[in-house]
């Protein structure tokens, strides 16, 4: 092998190693920041999210909103009409948040309660996450 070919081979190998490392780091970063959407039934079946943030979607259960010590501490239940999950949230709730309303909650599962750091309320009558729509349709409680 001539010295010129050897340099080219080394250069090509370095580029391939660099590209592989870039792809591996990008995939690892995406996997770390990926948040899956779950329904209450899925969360209760798969209680393996103890330290991972998750998104929970469903409807706020009627008569489940309980304000705790301060105005910003609130507990409520979210259902997919099959099961319900208790959510604890500390902060200002969205204006559209109310019982029977669709919500998406982001938080961490701790001791049977989803401790939320973000609550998003349904912003109009047409919006619902596809997963929540499918779960409610399967349960037969989706109002057309």
N, C-alpha and C. Protein backbone atom coordinates (compact mmCIF):
# COMPACT_ATOMS: atom_id res chain seq x y z
N UNK A 1 0.85 -1.17 0.00
CA UNK A 1 0.00 0.00 0.00
C UNK A 1 0.89 1.24 0.00
N UNK A 2 0.58 2.15 -0.88
CA UNK A 2 1.39 3.36 -0.98
C UNK A 2 1.05 4.31 0.16
N UNK A 3 1.96 5.20 0.49
CA UNK A 3 1.68 6.15 1.57
C UNK A 3 0.46 7.03 1.29
N UNK A 4 0.21 7.34 0.06
CA UNK A 4 -0.94 8.17 -0.28
C UNK A 4 -2.26 7.43 0.01
N UNK A 5 -2.31 6.15 -0.38
CA UNK A 5 -3.49 5.35 -0.11
C UNK A 5 -3.69 5.14 1.38
N UNK A 6 -2.60 4.97 2.09
CA UNK A 6 -2.69 4.77 3.54
C UNK A 6 -3.27 6.01 4.21
N UNK A 7 -2.84 7.21 3.80
CA UNK A 7 -3.39 8.45 4.36
C UNK A 7 -4.87 8.57 4.05
N UNK A 8 -5.27 8.23 2.84
CA UNK A 8 -6.69 8.28 2.49
C UNK A 8 -7.50 7.30 3.33
N UNK A 9 -6.97 6.10 3.51
CA UNK A 9 -7.65 5.10 4.32
C UNK A 9 -7.80 5.58 5.76
N UNK A 10 -6.77 6.16 6.31
CA UNK A 10 -6.82 6.68 7.68
C UNK A 10 -7.84 7.83 7.76
N UNK A 11 -7.85 8.70 6.77
CA UNK A 11 -8.80 9.81 6.75
C UNK A 11 -10.24 9.30 6.67
N UNK A 12 -10.50 8.31 5.80
CA UNK A 12 -11.85 7.75 5.68
C UNK A 12 -12.27 7.08 6.98
N UNK A 13 -11.37 6.34 7.61
CA UNK A 13 -11.68 5.69 8.88
C UNK A 13 -11.97 6.72 9.97
N UNK A 14 -11.22 7.80 10.02
CA UNK A 14 -11.47 8.86 11.02
C UNK A 14 -12.83 9.52 10.80
N UNK A 15 -13.18 9.77 9.55
CA UNK A 15 -14.48 10.36 9.25
C UNK A 15 -15.60 9.40 9.65
N UNK A 16 -15.46 8.11 9.38
CA UNK A 16 -16.46 7.12 9.76
C UNK A 16 -16.60 7.02 11.28
N UNK A 17 -15.49 7.03 11.99
CA UNK A 17 -15.54 6.97 13.45
C UNK A 17 -16.21 8.23 14.00
N UNK A 18 -15.87 9.39 13.46
CA UNK A 18 -16.49 10.64 13.91
C UNK A 18 -17.98 10.68 13.63
N UNK A 19 -18.38 10.22 12.45
CA UNK A 19 -19.81 10.20 12.11
C UNK A 19 -20.55 9.21 13.00
N UNK A 20 -19.97 8.06 13.27
CA UNK A 20 -20.60 7.07 14.15
C UNK A 20 -20.76 7.61 15.57
N UNK A 21 -19.74 8.30 16.05
CA UNK A 21 -19.82 8.87 17.40
C UNK A 21 -20.90 9.95 17.46
N UNK A 22 -21.00 10.76 16.41
CA UNK A 22 -22.03 11.80 16.37
C UNK A 22 -23.43 11.20 16.38
N UNK A 23 -23.64 10.17 15.58
CA UNK A 23 -24.95 9.50 15.54
C UNK A 23 -25.27 8.88 16.89
N UNK A 24 -24.30 8.22 17.50
CA UNK A 24 -24.52 7.57 18.80
C UNK A 24 -24.87 8.59 19.87
N UNK A 25 -24.18 9.71 19.92
CA UNK A 25 -24.47 10.75 20.90
C UNK A 25 -25.84 11.39 20.66
N UNK A 26 -26.21 11.58 19.41
CA UNK A 26 -27.52 12.16 19.08
C UNK A 26 -28.64 11.23 19.51
N UNK A 27 -28.50 9.95 19.22
CA UNK A 27 -29.53 8.97 19.61
C UNK A 27 -29.64 8.90 21.14
N UNK A 28 -28.53 8.92 21.83
CA UNK A 28 -28.55 8.88 23.30
C UNK A 28 -29.25 10.12 23.86
N UNK A 29 -29.00 11.28 23.28
CA UNK A 29 -29.64 12.51 23.76
C UNK A 29 -31.15 12.48 23.52
N UNK A 30 -31.57 11.99 22.36
CA UNK A 30 -33.00 11.89 22.08
C UNK A 30 -33.67 10.90 23.02
N UNK A 31 -33.03 9.78 23.27
CA UNK A 31 -33.61 8.75 24.13
C UNK A 31 -33.78 9.27 25.56
N UNK A 32 -32.82 10.07 26.02
CA UNK A 32 -32.89 10.62 27.37
C UNK A 32 -34.02 11.63 27.52
N UNK A 33 -34.30 12.41 26.50
CA UNK A 33 -35.29 13.47 26.58
C UNK A 33 -36.65 13.07 26.04
N UNK A 34 -36.83 11.83 25.69
CA UNK A 34 -38.08 11.37 25.11
C UNK A 34 -39.13 11.17 26.19
N UNK A 35 -40.30 11.78 26.01
CA UNK A 35 -41.40 11.63 26.96
C UNK A 35 -42.54 10.92 26.26
N UNK A 36 -42.92 9.77 26.77
CA UNK A 36 -44.01 9.03 26.19
C UNK A 36 -45.33 9.46 26.82
N UNK A 37 -46.39 9.32 26.07
CA UNK A 37 -47.73 9.65 26.53
C UNK A 37 -48.39 8.37 27.02
N UNK A 38 -49.01 8.42 28.20
CA UNK A 38 -49.67 7.26 28.78
C UNK A 38 -51.08 7.62 29.22
N UNK A 39 -51.96 6.65 29.20
CA UNK A 39 -53.29 6.81 29.77
C UNK A 39 -53.23 6.28 31.21
N UNK A 40 -54.20 6.60 32.05
CA UNK A 40 -54.19 6.08 33.42
C UNK A 40 -54.12 4.54 33.48
N UNK A 41 -54.81 3.86 32.60
CA UNK A 41 -54.77 2.40 32.60
C UNK A 41 -53.36 1.89 32.31
N UNK A 42 -52.68 2.50 31.35
CA UNK A 42 -51.32 2.09 31.04
C UNK A 42 -50.37 2.35 32.20
N UNK A 43 -50.53 3.47 32.89
CA UNK A 43 -49.66 3.78 34.02
C UNK A 43 -49.87 2.78 35.14
N UNK A 44 -51.11 2.42 35.41
CA UNK A 44 -51.38 1.47 36.49
C UNK A 44 -50.90 0.06 36.14
N UNK A 45 -50.88 -0.29 34.86
CA UNK A 45 -50.37 -1.60 34.45
C UNK A 45 -48.86 -1.65 34.48
N UNK A 46 -48.21 -0.57 34.10
CA UNK A 46 -46.76 -0.54 33.96
C UNK A 46 -46.15 0.44 34.95
N UNK A 47 -46.06 0.06 36.18
CA UNK A 47 -45.54 0.96 37.22
C UNK A 47 -44.02 0.99 37.24
N UNK A 48 -43.40 1.05 36.08
CA UNK A 48 -41.94 1.03 36.00
C UNK A 48 -41.36 2.41 35.76
N UNK A 49 -42.15 3.46 35.83
CA UNK A 49 -41.66 4.79 35.51
C UNK A 49 -41.18 5.54 36.73
N UNK A 50 -40.79 4.88 37.78
CA UNK A 50 -40.58 5.54 39.06
C UNK A 50 -39.68 6.77 38.99
N UNK A 51 -38.67 6.78 38.15
CA UNK A 51 -37.78 7.93 38.13
C UNK A 51 -37.81 8.68 36.80
N UNK A 52 -38.57 8.18 35.86
CA UNK A 52 -38.65 8.81 34.54
C UNK A 52 -39.85 9.73 34.46
N UNK A 53 -39.69 10.92 33.88
CA UNK A 53 -40.86 11.77 33.66
C UNK A 53 -41.77 11.13 32.61
N UNK A 54 -43.07 11.30 32.80
CA UNK A 54 -44.06 10.77 31.86
C UNK A 54 -45.12 11.83 31.60
N UNK A 55 -45.85 11.64 30.52
CA UNK A 55 -47.02 12.48 30.24
C UNK A 55 -48.25 11.61 30.39
N UNK A 56 -49.22 12.12 31.11
CA UNK A 56 -50.48 11.43 31.36
C UNK A 56 -51.59 12.25 30.74
N UNK A 57 -52.48 11.59 30.02
CA UNK A 57 -53.60 12.30 29.42
C UNK A 57 -54.91 11.65 29.74
N UNK A 58 -55.94 12.46 29.85
CA UNK A 58 -57.27 11.95 30.11
C UNK A 58 -58.20 13.08 30.52
N UNK A 59 -59.26 12.72 31.21
CA UNK A 59 -60.26 13.69 31.66
C UNK A 59 -60.17 13.86 33.17
N UNK A 60 -60.36 15.09 33.65
CA UNK A 60 -60.38 15.36 35.09
C UNK A 60 -61.68 14.78 35.65
N UNK A 61 -61.56 13.95 36.68
CA UNK A 61 -62.72 13.29 37.28
C UNK A 61 -63.58 14.32 38.01
N UNK A 62 -64.90 14.21 37.86
CA UNK A 62 -65.82 15.11 38.56
C UNK A 62 -65.65 14.97 40.06
N UNK A 63 -65.72 16.09 40.77
CA UNK A 63 -65.61 16.16 42.23
C UNK A 63 -64.30 15.61 42.77
N UNK A 64 -63.23 15.67 41.99
CA UNK A 64 -61.95 15.16 42.46
C UNK A 64 -60.94 16.26 42.78
N UNK A 65 -61.26 17.51 42.46
CA UNK A 65 -60.31 18.60 42.68
C UNK A 65 -60.34 18.99 44.16
N UNK A 66 -59.17 18.87 44.81
CA UNK A 66 -59.05 19.21 46.23
C UNK A 66 -57.89 20.18 46.38
N UNK A 67 -58.19 21.38 46.86
CA UNK A 67 -57.15 22.37 47.13
C UNK A 67 -56.56 22.07 48.49
N UNK A 68 -55.25 22.01 48.57
CA UNK A 68 -54.59 21.71 49.84
C UNK A 68 -54.21 23.00 50.54
N UNK A 69 -53.23 22.97 51.40
CA UNK A 69 -52.89 24.06 52.32
C UNK A 69 -52.91 25.45 51.69
N UNK A 70 -52.31 25.61 50.55
CA UNK A 70 -52.31 26.92 49.90
C UNK A 70 -53.15 26.90 48.65
N UNK A 71 -53.31 28.05 48.06
CA UNK A 71 -54.09 28.12 46.83
C UNK A 71 -53.40 27.41 45.67
N UNK A 72 -52.08 27.26 45.74
CA UNK A 72 -51.35 26.67 44.63
C UNK A 72 -51.21 25.15 44.73
N UNK A 73 -51.53 24.57 45.87
CA UNK A 73 -51.43 23.11 46.04
C UNK A 73 -52.78 22.49 45.68
N UNK A 74 -52.77 21.56 44.73
CA UNK A 74 -54.02 20.94 44.31
C UNK A 74 -53.79 19.46 44.00
N UNK A 75 -54.79 18.66 44.30
CA UNK A 75 -54.80 17.23 43.96
C UNK A 75 -56.08 16.98 43.15
N UNK A 76 -55.97 16.16 42.15
CA UNK A 76 -57.13 15.81 41.34
C UNK A 76 -56.87 14.45 40.70
N UNK A 77 -57.89 13.87 40.14
CA UNK A 77 -57.77 12.57 39.49
C UNK A 77 -57.99 12.74 37.99
N UNK A 78 -57.24 11.96 37.22
CA UNK A 78 -57.37 11.95 35.77
C UNK A 78 -57.78 10.54 35.37
N UNK A 79 -58.77 10.43 34.49
CA UNK A 79 -59.30 9.12 34.10
C UNK A 79 -59.33 8.97 32.59
N UNK A 80 -59.31 7.71 32.17
CA UNK A 80 -59.58 7.38 30.77
C UNK A 80 -60.90 6.61 30.70
N UNK A 81 -61.73 6.77 31.72
CA UNK A 81 -63.03 6.14 31.95
C UNK A 81 -62.92 4.67 32.36
N UNK A 82 -61.72 4.13 32.39
CA UNK A 82 -61.51 2.76 32.87
C UNK A 82 -60.86 2.81 34.25
N UNK A 83 -59.77 3.54 34.36
CA UNK A 83 -59.05 3.71 35.62
C UNK A 83 -58.77 5.19 35.84
N UNK A 84 -58.44 5.53 37.08
CA UNK A 84 -58.11 6.92 37.41
C UNK A 84 -56.77 6.95 38.14
N UNK A 85 -56.03 8.03 37.94
CA UNK A 85 -54.75 8.24 38.59
C UNK A 85 -54.81 9.57 39.32
N UNK A 86 -54.33 9.58 40.57
CA UNK A 86 -54.29 10.81 41.36
C UNK A 86 -53.07 11.63 40.95
N UNK A 87 -53.28 12.94 40.79
CA UNK A 87 -52.22 13.85 40.39
C UNK A 87 -52.08 14.91 41.48
N UNK A 88 -50.85 15.21 41.84
CA UNK A 88 -50.56 16.29 42.79
C UNK A 88 -49.79 17.36 42.02
N UNK A 89 -50.24 18.61 42.15
CA UNK A 89 -49.62 19.70 41.40
C UNK A 89 -49.49 20.92 42.28
N UNK A 90 -48.38 21.59 42.17
CA UNK A 90 -48.16 22.83 42.90
C UNK A 90 -47.85 23.92 41.89
N UNK A 91 -48.78 24.83 41.72
CA UNK A 91 -48.60 25.89 40.75
C UNK A 91 -49.93 26.44 40.30
N UNK A 92 -49.87 27.34 39.35
CA UNK A 92 -51.08 27.96 38.82
C UNK A 92 -51.63 27.06 37.72
N UNK A 93 -52.89 26.70 37.87
CA UNK A 93 -53.54 25.85 36.87
C UNK A 93 -53.99 26.69 35.68
N UNK A 94 -54.06 26.10 34.49
CA UNK A 94 -54.53 26.84 33.32
C UNK A 94 -55.97 27.31 33.51
N UNK A 95 -56.34 28.37 32.82
CA UNK A 95 -57.69 28.92 32.92
C UNK A 95 -58.76 27.92 32.51
N UNK A 96 -58.48 27.07 31.54
CA UNK A 96 -59.46 26.12 31.04
C UNK A 96 -59.54 24.84 31.87
N UNK A 97 -58.76 24.74 32.94
CA UNK A 97 -58.77 23.54 33.77
C UNK A 97 -60.05 23.47 34.58
N UNK A 98 -60.77 22.36 34.47
CA UNK A 98 -61.98 22.14 35.26
C UNK A 98 -62.35 20.66 35.18
N UNK A 99 -63.32 20.28 35.99
CA UNK A 99 -63.77 18.89 36.03
C UNK A 99 -64.40 18.51 34.69
N UNK A 100 -64.13 17.29 34.26
CA UNK A 100 -64.67 16.81 32.99
C UNK A 100 -63.90 17.27 31.78
N UNK A 101 -62.88 18.08 31.97
CA UNK A 101 -62.10 18.66 30.88
C UNK A 101 -60.90 17.77 30.57
N UNK A 102 -60.50 17.72 29.31
CA UNK A 102 -59.31 16.98 28.92
C UNK A 102 -58.05 17.69 29.35
N UNK A 103 -57.08 16.93 29.88
CA UNK A 103 -55.81 17.50 30.32
C UNK A 103 -54.67 16.57 29.90
N UNK A 104 -53.50 17.17 29.81
CA UNK A 104 -52.25 16.44 29.67
C UNK A 104 -51.36 16.92 30.80
N UNK A 105 -50.83 15.97 31.58
CA UNK A 105 -50.04 16.28 32.77
C UNK A 105 -48.66 15.67 32.60
N UNK A 106 -47.63 16.45 32.86
CA UNK A 106 -46.26 15.94 32.82
C UNK A 106 -45.73 15.88 34.24
N UNK A 107 -45.16 14.74 34.62
CA UNK A 107 -44.62 14.61 35.96
C UNK A 107 -43.92 13.29 36.17
N UNK A 108 -43.67 12.99 37.46
CA UNK A 108 -42.95 11.78 37.84
C UNK A 108 -43.85 10.94 38.74
N UNK A 109 -43.89 9.66 38.52
CA UNK A 109 -44.70 8.72 39.30
C UNK A 109 -43.99 8.45 40.62
N UNK A 110 -44.64 8.78 41.75
CA UNK A 110 -44.05 8.57 43.07
C UNK A 110 -45.10 8.03 44.02
N UNK A 111 -44.90 6.83 44.53
CA UNK A 111 -45.74 6.23 45.56
C UNK A 111 -47.23 6.28 45.21
N UNK A 112 -47.57 5.91 44.00
CA UNK A 112 -48.97 5.84 43.62
C UNK A 112 -49.62 7.15 43.23
N UNK A 113 -48.84 8.22 43.16
CA UNK A 113 -49.35 9.54 42.78
C UNK A 113 -48.43 10.12 41.72
N UNK A 114 -49.02 10.75 40.72
CA UNK A 114 -48.21 11.44 39.72
C UNK A 114 -47.95 12.85 40.23
N UNK A 115 -46.70 13.16 40.54
CA UNK A 115 -46.33 14.49 41.01
C UNK A 115 -46.00 15.31 39.76
N UNK A 116 -46.90 16.25 39.45
CA UNK A 116 -46.82 16.97 38.18
C UNK A 116 -45.99 18.23 38.29
N UNK A 117 -45.29 18.54 37.22
CA UNK A 117 -44.61 19.83 37.12
C UNK A 117 -45.20 20.69 36.01
N UNK A 118 -46.15 20.12 35.26
CA UNK A 118 -46.83 20.89 34.22
C UNK A 118 -48.22 20.30 33.97
N UNK A 119 -49.22 21.17 33.87
CA UNK A 119 -50.58 20.76 33.56
C UNK A 119 -51.06 21.58 32.36
N UNK A 120 -51.47 20.89 31.32
CA UNK A 120 -52.00 21.56 30.13
C UNK A 120 -53.46 21.19 29.98
N UNK A 121 -54.30 22.18 29.79
CA UNK A 121 -55.73 21.93 29.61
C UNK A 121 -56.06 21.96 28.13
N UNK A 122 -57.12 21.26 27.80
CA UNK A 122 -57.61 21.24 26.42
C UNK A 122 -57.92 22.67 26.00
N UNK A 123 -57.38 23.09 24.86
CA UNK A 123 -57.54 24.50 24.50
C UNK A 123 -58.75 24.81 23.64
N UNK A 124 -59.38 23.85 23.05
CA UNK A 124 -60.65 24.08 22.37
C UNK A 124 -61.40 22.77 22.24
N UNK A 125 -62.60 22.81 21.74
CA UNK A 125 -63.43 21.61 21.72
C UNK A 125 -62.96 20.56 20.72
N UNK A 126 -62.05 20.91 19.84
CA UNK A 126 -61.60 19.96 18.83
C UNK A 126 -60.31 19.24 19.20
N UNK A 127 -59.55 19.76 20.15
CA UNK A 127 -58.24 19.19 20.43
C UNK A 127 -58.31 18.09 21.48
N UNK A 128 -57.62 17.00 21.20
CA UNK A 128 -57.40 15.94 22.18
C UNK A 128 -56.20 15.15 21.66
N UNK A 129 -55.25 14.80 22.53
CA UNK A 129 -54.13 13.99 22.06
C UNK A 129 -54.65 12.70 21.42
N UNK A 130 -54.03 12.25 20.35
CA UNK A 130 -54.52 11.06 19.64
C UNK A 130 -54.66 9.84 20.55
N UNK A 131 -53.70 9.66 21.47
CA UNK A 131 -53.74 8.50 22.35
C UNK A 131 -54.96 8.57 23.27
N UNK A 132 -55.26 9.76 23.81
CA UNK A 132 -56.42 9.91 24.68
C UNK A 132 -57.71 9.71 23.88
N UNK A 133 -57.75 10.22 22.65
CA UNK A 133 -58.91 10.05 21.79
C UNK A 133 -59.17 8.57 21.54
N UNK A 134 -58.10 7.81 21.24
CA UNK A 134 -58.26 6.38 20.98
C UNK A 134 -58.73 5.63 22.22
N UNK A 135 -58.19 5.99 23.40
CA UNK A 135 -58.57 5.32 24.65
C UNK A 135 -60.02 5.60 24.99
N UNK A 136 -60.45 6.85 24.83
CA UNK A 136 -61.84 7.19 25.12
C UNK A 136 -62.80 6.56 24.11
N UNK A 137 -62.37 6.49 22.86
CA UNK A 137 -63.21 5.86 21.83
C UNK A 137 -63.36 4.37 22.12
N UNK A 138 -62.28 3.72 22.54
CA UNK A 138 -62.32 2.29 22.86
C UNK A 138 -63.22 2.04 24.08
N UNK A 139 -63.24 2.99 25.01
CA UNK A 139 -64.07 2.83 26.21
C UNK A 139 -65.54 3.17 25.92
N UNK A 140 -65.81 3.75 24.75
CA UNK A 140 -67.18 4.07 24.38
C UNK A 140 -67.73 5.32 25.04
N UNK A 141 -66.85 6.18 25.57
CA UNK A 141 -67.35 7.37 26.26
C UNK A 141 -67.00 8.66 25.53
N UNK A 142 -66.54 8.55 24.32
CA UNK A 142 -66.20 9.74 23.55
C UNK A 142 -67.47 10.36 23.01
N UNK A 143 -67.67 11.64 23.31
CA UNK A 143 -68.83 12.35 22.80
C UNK A 143 -68.50 12.93 21.45
N UNK A 144 -69.28 12.59 20.46
CA UNK A 144 -69.01 13.05 19.09
C UNK A 144 -69.53 14.45 18.88
